Amino acid sequence: MSTPSNESIHAAGADAGQSAGAPDAAQYLTFLLAGEEYGVEILRVQEIKGWEGVTRVPHTPRHLLGVMNLRGTVVPVVDLRARFGLPPVALGAGHVVIVVRVHVARGEKTVGVVVDGVSEVYHFAASDIQPPPQVRALDDPTLIAGLASAADKMVMLLDIDRLIATSIEAEPATARTH
C-alpha cells in the first residue's frame, strides 16, 4: 500500500472534478479502517501526517483523542475506529492523521482524523455513487454519503461535514454529567 505524498494530494485536489470526459466526477482520497476502505472528497484534505500523538483533553468522548498543534493552530483529532465502534488498537507509526477542512455549525474547522492507513485516490462520477444502505446497524446512516465500486471492492464515501460535526460539536450540558 502506498501513501500519497502531500504534494500529490495537493496536485490531485487542484484538478478534482476535471476527470477526462466526466465533468461531474470528483476525486476521493481513500483510507483503511479495520480492513474496510472509506473515502473523503480530496478537496477537503489539507494534508496527511504520520501519527505523532496528541495532547489528551479531559472529559471528552472516547473517539476524541485530544488535540495536536499544527503550525500554531490547535486541531482536534478524532479516532475514526472509536467513532465507528470498531475494536481499539494501539496507535503507532503505521497510523496516519488525515487533516481535513469541514463545515460545521460554527463555520469552517480544521480537524485531524486517525486512520489505519491511506490507500488510493479515485475518480468517481456522480452516476457511479450509489445511496448508502438503509440498515439499522448504522448508528447514523447519514454519515455515509454513498458507496462506489473501485478495483473490485466497495468504498464507503463519508459525509465528512456531518461525521465531524457529530464527533466534535458540544453535547448539551445535561448529557455530560458522568
C-alpha atoms as a PDB file:
ATOM      1  CA  MET A   1       0.000   0.000   0.000  1.00  0.00           C
ATOM      2  CA  SER A   2       1.482   3.330  -0.976  1.00  0.00           C
ATOM      3  CA  THR A   3       0.917   6.580   0.829  1.00  0.00           C
ATOM      4  CA  PRO A   4       0.332   9.543  -1.467  1.00  0.00           C
ATOM      5  CA  SER A   5       2.614  12.448  -0.597  1.00  0.00           C
ATOM      6  CA  ASN A   6       1.272  15.829   0.492  1.00  0.00           C
ATOM      7  CA  GLU A   7       2.374  17.179  -2.894  1.00  0.00           C
ATOM      8  CA  SER A   8       0.362  14.549  -4.776  1.00  0.00           C
ATOM      9  CA  ILE A   9      -2.667  15.245  -2.585  1.00  0.00           C
ATOM     10  CA  HIS A  10      -2.459  18.980  -3.279  1.00  0.00           C
ATOM     11  CA  ALA A  11      -1.863  18.415  -7.006  1.00  0.00           C
ATOM     12  CA  ALA A  12      -4.714  15.917  -7.242  1.00  0.00           C
ATOM     13  CA  GLY A  13      -7.016  18.234  -5.314  1.00  0.00           C
ATOM     14  CA  ALA A  14      -6.256  21.088  -7.678  1.00  0.00           C
ATOM     15  CA  ASP A  15      -7.930  19.365 -10.623  1.00  0.00           C
ATOM     16  CA  ALA A  16     -10.604  17.353  -8.812  1.00  0.00           C
ATOM     17  CA  GLY A  17     -13.801  17.229 -10.798  1.00  0.00           C
ATOM     18  CA  GLN A  18     -11.916  17.603 -14.073  1.00  0.00           C
ATOM     19  CA  SER A  19     -11.578  13.910 -14.817  1.00  0.00           C
ATOM     20  CA  ALA A  20     -11.290  13.049 -18.506  1.00  0.00           C
ATOM     21  CA  GLY A  21     -14.748  13.100 -20.055  1.00  0.00           C
ATOM     22  CA  ALA A  22     -16.614  13.299 -16.739  1.00  0.00           C
ATOM     23  CA  PRO A  23     -17.480  16.862 -15.743  1.00  0.00           C
ATOM     24  CA  ASP A  24     -19.496  15.593 -12.743  1.00  0.00           C
ATOM     25  CA  ALA A  25     -16.601  13.472 -11.436  1.00  0.00           C
ATOM     26  CA  ALA A  26     -14.892  14.115  -8.124  1.00  0.00           C
ATOM     27  CA  GLN A  27     -11.737  12.745  -6.593  1.00  0.00           C
ATOM     28  CA  TYR A  28     -11.742  10.881  -3.305  1.00  0.00           C
ATOM     29  CA  LEU A  29      -8.843  10.037  -1.039  1.00  0.00           C
ATOM     30  CA  THR A  30      -9.450   6.564   0.336  1.00  0.00           C
ATOM     31  CA  PHE A  31      -8.167   5.145   3.593  1.00  0.00           C
ATOM     32  CA  LEU A  32      -8.422   1.951   5.587  1.00  0.00           C
ATOM     33  CA  LEU A  33     -10.109   1.186   8.891  1.00  0.00           C
ATOM     34  CA  ALA A  34     -10.202  -2.421  10.093  1.00  0.00           C
ATOM     35  CA  GLY A  35      -9.704  -3.679   6.535  1.00  0.00           C
ATOM     36  CA  GLU A  36     -12.563  -1.637   5.032  1.00  0.00           C
ATOM     37  CA  GLU A  37     -11.992   1.211   2.615  1.00  0.00           C
ATOM     38  CA  TYR A  38     -13.557   4.634   3.155  1.00  0.00           C
ATOM     39  CA  GLY A  39     -13.282   7.793   1.089  1.00  0.00           C
ATOM     40  CA  VAL A  40     -13.442  11.536   1.584  1.00  0.00           C
ATOM     41  CA  GLU A  41     -13.545  14.231  -1.085  1.00  0.00           C
ATOM     42  CA  ILE A  42      -9.958  15.155  -1.818  1.00  0.00           C
ATOM     43  CA  LEU A  43     -10.767  18.870  -1.840  1.00  0.00           C
ATOM     44  CA  ARG A  44     -11.420  18.537   1.911  1.00  0.00           C
ATOM     45  CA  VAL A  45      -7.959  17.092   2.602  1.00  0.00           C
ATOM     46  CA  GLN A  46      -5.461  19.670   3.821  1.00  0.00           C
ATOM     47  CA  GLU A  47      -2.594  17.263   4.480  1.00  0.00           C
ATOM     48  CA  ILE A  48      -1.612  13.789   5.619  1.00  0.00           C
ATOM     49  CA  LYS A  49       0.650  13.311   8.639  1.00  0.00           C
ATOM     50  CA  GLY A  50       2.181  10.332  10.351  1.00  0.00           C
ATOM     51  CA  TRP A  51       0.922   9.561  13.861  1.00  0.00           C
ATOM     52  CA  GLU A  52       2.858  11.599  16.428  1.00  0.00           C
ATOM     53  CA  GLY A  53       0.463  11.529  19.366  1.00  0.00           C
ATOM     54  CA  VAL A  54      -1.894  14.124  20.797  1.00  0.00           C
ATOM     55  CA  THR A  55      -2.496  16.094  23.960  1.00  0.00           C
ATOM     56  CA  ARG A  56      -5.453  14.481  25.740  1.00  0.00           C
ATOM     57  CA  VAL A  57      -8.322  16.776  26.760  1.00  0.00           C
ATOM     58  CA  PRO A  58     -10.210  15.699  29.928  1.00  0.00           C
ATOM     59  CA  HIS A  59     -13.932  14.859  29.846  1.00  0.00           C
ATOM     60  CA  THR A  60     -14.165  14.316  26.098  1.00  0.00           C
ATOM     61  CA  PRO A  61     -15.799  11.385  24.306  1.00  0.00           C
ATOM     62  CA  ARG A  62     -13.649   8.303  23.721  1.00  0.00           C
ATOM     63  CA  HIS A  63     -13.465   8.979  19.976  1.00  0.00           C
ATOM     64  CA  LEU A  64     -11.982  12.457  20.529  1.00  0.00           C
ATOM     65  CA  LEU A  65      -8.340  11.551  21.161  1.00  0.00           C
ATOM     66  CA  GLY A  66      -7.224  15.075  22.004  1.00  0.00           C
ATOM     67  CA  VAL A  67      -5.593  17.930  20.145  1.00  0.00           C
ATOM     68  CA  MET A  68      -2.422  18.483  18.137  1.00  0.00           C
ATOM     69  CA  ASN A  69      -0.500  21.611  17.284  1.00  0.00           C
ATOM     70  CA  LEU A  70      -0.486  22.110  13.524  1.00  0.00           C
ATOM     71  CA  ARG A  71       1.827  25.047  12.813  1.00  0.00           C
ATOM     72  CA  GLY A  72       0.417  27.083  15.696  1.00  0.00           C
ATOM     73  CA  THR A  73      -3.216  26.007  15.299  1.00  0.00           C
ATOM     74  CA  VAL A  74      -4.826  23.704  17.855  1.00  0.00           C
ATOM     75  CA  VAL A  75      -6.568  20.941  15.902  1.00  0.00           C
ATOM     76  CA  PRO A  76      -8.914  18.349  17.460  1.00  0.00           C
ATOM     77  CA  VAL A  77      -8.107  14.748  16.498  1.00  0.00           C
ATOM     78  CA  VAL A  78     -10.851  12.130  16.079  1.00  0.00           C
ATOM     79  CA  ASP A  79     -10.201   8.372  16.185  1.00  0.00           C
ATOM     80  CA  LEU A  80     -12.454   7.044  13.413  1.00  0.00           C
ATOM     81  CA  ARG A  81     -12.066   3.466  14.746  1.00  0.00           C
ATOM     82  CA  ALA A  82     -13.626   4.535  18.041  1.00  0.00           C
ATOM     83  CA  ARG A  83     -16.184   6.776  16.310  1.00  0.00           C
ATOM     84  CA  PHE A  84     -17.364   3.806  14.225  1.00  0.00           C
ATOM     85  CA  GLY A  85     -17.406   1.422  17.195  1.00  0.00           C
ATOM     86  CA  LEU A  86     -14.536  -0.696  15.846  1.00  0.00           C
ATOM     87  CA  PRO A  87     -12.181  -2.578  18.177  1.00  0.00           C
ATOM     88  CA  PRO A  88      -9.411  -0.340  19.531  1.00  0.00           C
ATOM     89  CA  VAL A  89      -5.782  -0.803  18.523  1.00  0.00           C
ATOM     90  CA  ALA A  90      -2.573   0.680  19.884  1.00  0.00           C
ATOM     91  CA  LEU A  91      -1.764   3.668  17.698  1.00  0.00           C
ATOM     92  CA  GLY A  92       1.734   3.714  16.289  1.00  0.00           C
ATOM     93  CA  ALA A  93       3.988   4.575  13.385  1.00  0.00           C
ATOM     94  CA  GLY A  94       1.756   2.831  10.825  1.00  0.00           C
ATOM     95  CA  HIS A  95      -1.244   5.027  11.592  1.00  0.00           C
ATOM     96  CA  VAL A  96      -1.972   8.251   9.758  1.00  0.00           C
ATOM     97  CA  VAL A  97      -3.722  11.530  10.575  1.00  0.00           C
ATOM     98  CA  ILE A  98      -5.675  12.960   7.665  1.00  0.00           C
ATOM     99  CA  VAL A  99      -6.163  16.670   8.286  1.00  0.00           C
ATOM    100  CA  VAL A 100      -9.448  17.821   6.757  1.00  0.00           C
ATOM    101  CA  ARG A 101     -11.342  21.085   6.449  1.00  0.00           C
ATOM    102  CA  VAL A 102     -15.011  20.751   7.322  1.00  0.00           C
ATOM    103  CA  HIS A 103     -18.067  22.952   7.591  1.00  0.00           C
ATOM    104  CA  VAL A 104     -19.773  22.767  10.980  1.00  0.00           C
ATOM    105  CA  ALA A 105     -22.396  24.906  12.731  1.00  0.00           C
ATOM    106  CA  ARG A 106     -19.736  27.375  13.890  1.00  0.00           C
ATOM    107  CA  GLY A 107     -18.138  27.782  10.444  1.00  0.00           C
ATOM    108  CA  GLU A 108     -15.132  26.096   8.858  1.00  0.00           C
ATOM    109  CA  LYS A 109     -12.919  23.956  11.080  1.00  0.00           C
ATOM    110  CA  THR A 110      -9.710  22.001  10.640  1.00  0.00           C
ATOM    111  CA  VAL A 111      -9.774  18.528  12.203  1.00  0.00           C
ATOM    112  CA  GLY A 112      -7.478  15.513  12.161  1.00  0.00           C
ATOM    113  CA  VAL A 113      -8.865  12.005  11.752  1.00  0.00           C
ATOM    114  CA  VAL A 114      -6.753   8.977  12.675  1.00  0.00           C
ATOM    115  CA  VAL A 115      -6.976   6.043  10.270  1.00  0.00           C
ATOM    116  CA  ASP A 116      -5.115   2.761   9.804  1.00  0.00           C
ATOM    117  CA  GLY A 117      -3.539   3.903   6.539  1.00  0.00           C
ATOM    118  CA  VAL A 118      -4.072   5.824   3.321  1.00  0.00           C
ATOM    119  CA  SER A 119      -4.969   3.770   0.269  1.00  0.00           C
ATOM    120  CA  GLU A 120      -5.619   5.449  -3.124  1.00  0.00           C
ATOM    121  CA  VAL A 121      -7.051   8.462  -4.904  1.00  0.00           C
ATOM    122  CA  TYR A 122     -10.056   7.559  -7.097  1.00  0.00           C
ATOM    123  CA  HIS A 123     -12.205   9.489  -9.568  1.00  0.00           C
ATOM    124  CA  PHE A 124     -15.914   8.750  -9.175  1.00  0.00           C
ATOM    125  CA  ALA A 125     -18.625  10.183 -11.403  1.00  0.00           C
ATOM    126  CA  ALA A 126     -21.851  11.105  -9.621  1.00  0.00           C
ATOM    127  CA  SER A 127     -23.554   8.302 -11.555  1.00  0.00           C
ATOM    128  CA  ASP A 128     -21.068   5.782 -10.057  1.00  0.00           C
ATOM    129  CA  ILE A 129     -22.108   6.592  -6.482  1.00  0.00           C
ATOM    130  CA  GLN A 130     -24.955   4.567  -5.018  1.00  0.00           C
ATOM    131  CA  PRO A 131     -27.003   5.677  -1.987  1.00  0.00           C
ATOM    132  CA  PRO A 132     -25.994   4.183   1.371  1.00  0.00           C
ATOM    133  CA  PRO A 133     -27.887   1.116   2.555  1.00  0.00           C
ATOM    134  CA  GLN A 134     -30.804   1.717   4.872  1.00  0.00           C
ATOM    135  CA  VAL A 135     -29.802  -0.692   7.617  1.00  0.00           C
ATOM    136  CA  ARG A 136     -30.449  -0.419  11.299  1.00  0.00           C
ATOM    137  CA  ALA A 137     -26.856  -1.358  12.117  1.00  0.00           C
ATOM    138  CA  LEU A 138     -25.646   2.112  11.126  1.00  0.00           C
ATOM    139  CA  ASP A 139     -25.609   4.431  14.149  1.00  0.00           C
ATOM    140  CA  ASP A 140     -26.302   7.346  11.823  1.00  0.00           C
ATOM    141  CA  PRO A 141     -26.670   6.297   8.181  1.00  0.00           C
ATOM    142  CA  THR A 142     -26.321   9.912   7.044  1.00  0.00           C
ATOM    143  CA  LEU A 143     -22.593   9.744   7.886  1.00  0.00           C
ATOM    144  CA  ILE A 144     -22.169   7.706   4.705  1.00  0.00           C
ATOM    145  CA  ALA A 145     -22.789   9.823   1.609  1.00  0.00           C
ATOM    146  CA  GLY A 146     -22.727   6.851  -0.736  1.00  0.00           C
ATOM    147  CA  LEU A 147     -20.997   3.712  -1.975  1.00  0.00           C
ATOM    148  CA  ALA A 148     -18.822   3.350  -5.046  1.00  0.00           C
ATOM    149  CA  SER A 149     -17.044   0.412  -6.653  1.00  0.00           C
ATOM    150  CA  ALA A 150     -13.329   0.612  -7.325  1.00  0.00           C
ATOM    151  CA  ALA A 151     -10.970  -2.191  -8.315  1.00  0.00           C
ATOM    152  CA  ASP A 152     -13.409  -4.979  -7.343  1.00  0.00           C
ATOM    153  CA  LYS A 153     -14.184  -3.509  -3.921  1.00  0.00           C
ATOM    154  CA  MET A 154     -16.737  -1.213  -2.353  1.00  0.00           C
ATOM    155  CA  VAL A 155     -15.663   2.158  -1.000  1.00  0.00           C
ATOM    156  CA  MET A 156     -17.832   3.902   1.597  1.00  0.00           C
ATOM    157  CA  LEU A 157     -17.829   7.623   0.856  1.00  0.00           C
ATOM    158  CA  LEU A 158     -18.208   9.660   4.017  1.00  0.00           C
ATOM    159  CA  ASP A 159     -20.176  12.844   4.604  1.00  0.00           C
ATOM    160  CA  ILE A 160     -17.167  14.351   6.366  1.00  0.00           C
ATOM    161  CA  ASP A 161     -19.022  17.502   7.467  1.00  0.00           C
ATOM    162  CA  ARG A 162     -21.723  15.529   9.262  1.00  0.00           C
ATOM    163  CA  LEU A 163     -19.254  12.974  10.629  1.00  0.00           C
ATOM    164  CA  ILE A 164     -17.020  15.619  12.167  1.00  0.00           C
ATOM    165  CA  ALA A 165     -19.909  17.801  13.368  1.00  0.00           C
ATOM    166  CA  THR A 166     -21.402  14.866  15.266  1.00  0.00           C
ATOM    167  CA  SER A 167     -17.947  13.968  16.598  1.00  0.00           C
ATOM    168  CA  ILE A 168     -16.744  17.322  17.933  1.00  0.00           C
ATOM    169  CA  GLU A 169     -19.713  19.636  18.401  1.00  0.00           C
ATOM    170  CA  ALA A 170     -20.534  20.207  22.046  1.00  0.00           C
ATOM    171  CA  GLU A 171     -23.136  17.973  23.604  1.00  0.00           C
ATOM    172  CA  PRO A 172     -25.869  19.507  25.755  1.00  0.00           C
ATOM    173  CA  ALA A 173     -24.654  20.058  29.340  1.00  0.00           C
ATOM    174  CA  THR A 174     -27.167  17.534  30.700  1.00  0.00           C
ATOM    175  CA  ALA A 175     -25.669  14.784  28.538  1.00  0.00           C
ATOM    176  CA  ARG A 176     -22.160  15.182  30.026  1.00  0.00           C
ATOM    177  CA  THR A 177     -22.898  14.546  33.684  1.00  0.00           C
ATOM    178  CA  HIS A 178     -20.706  11.451  34.132  1.00  0.00           C
END
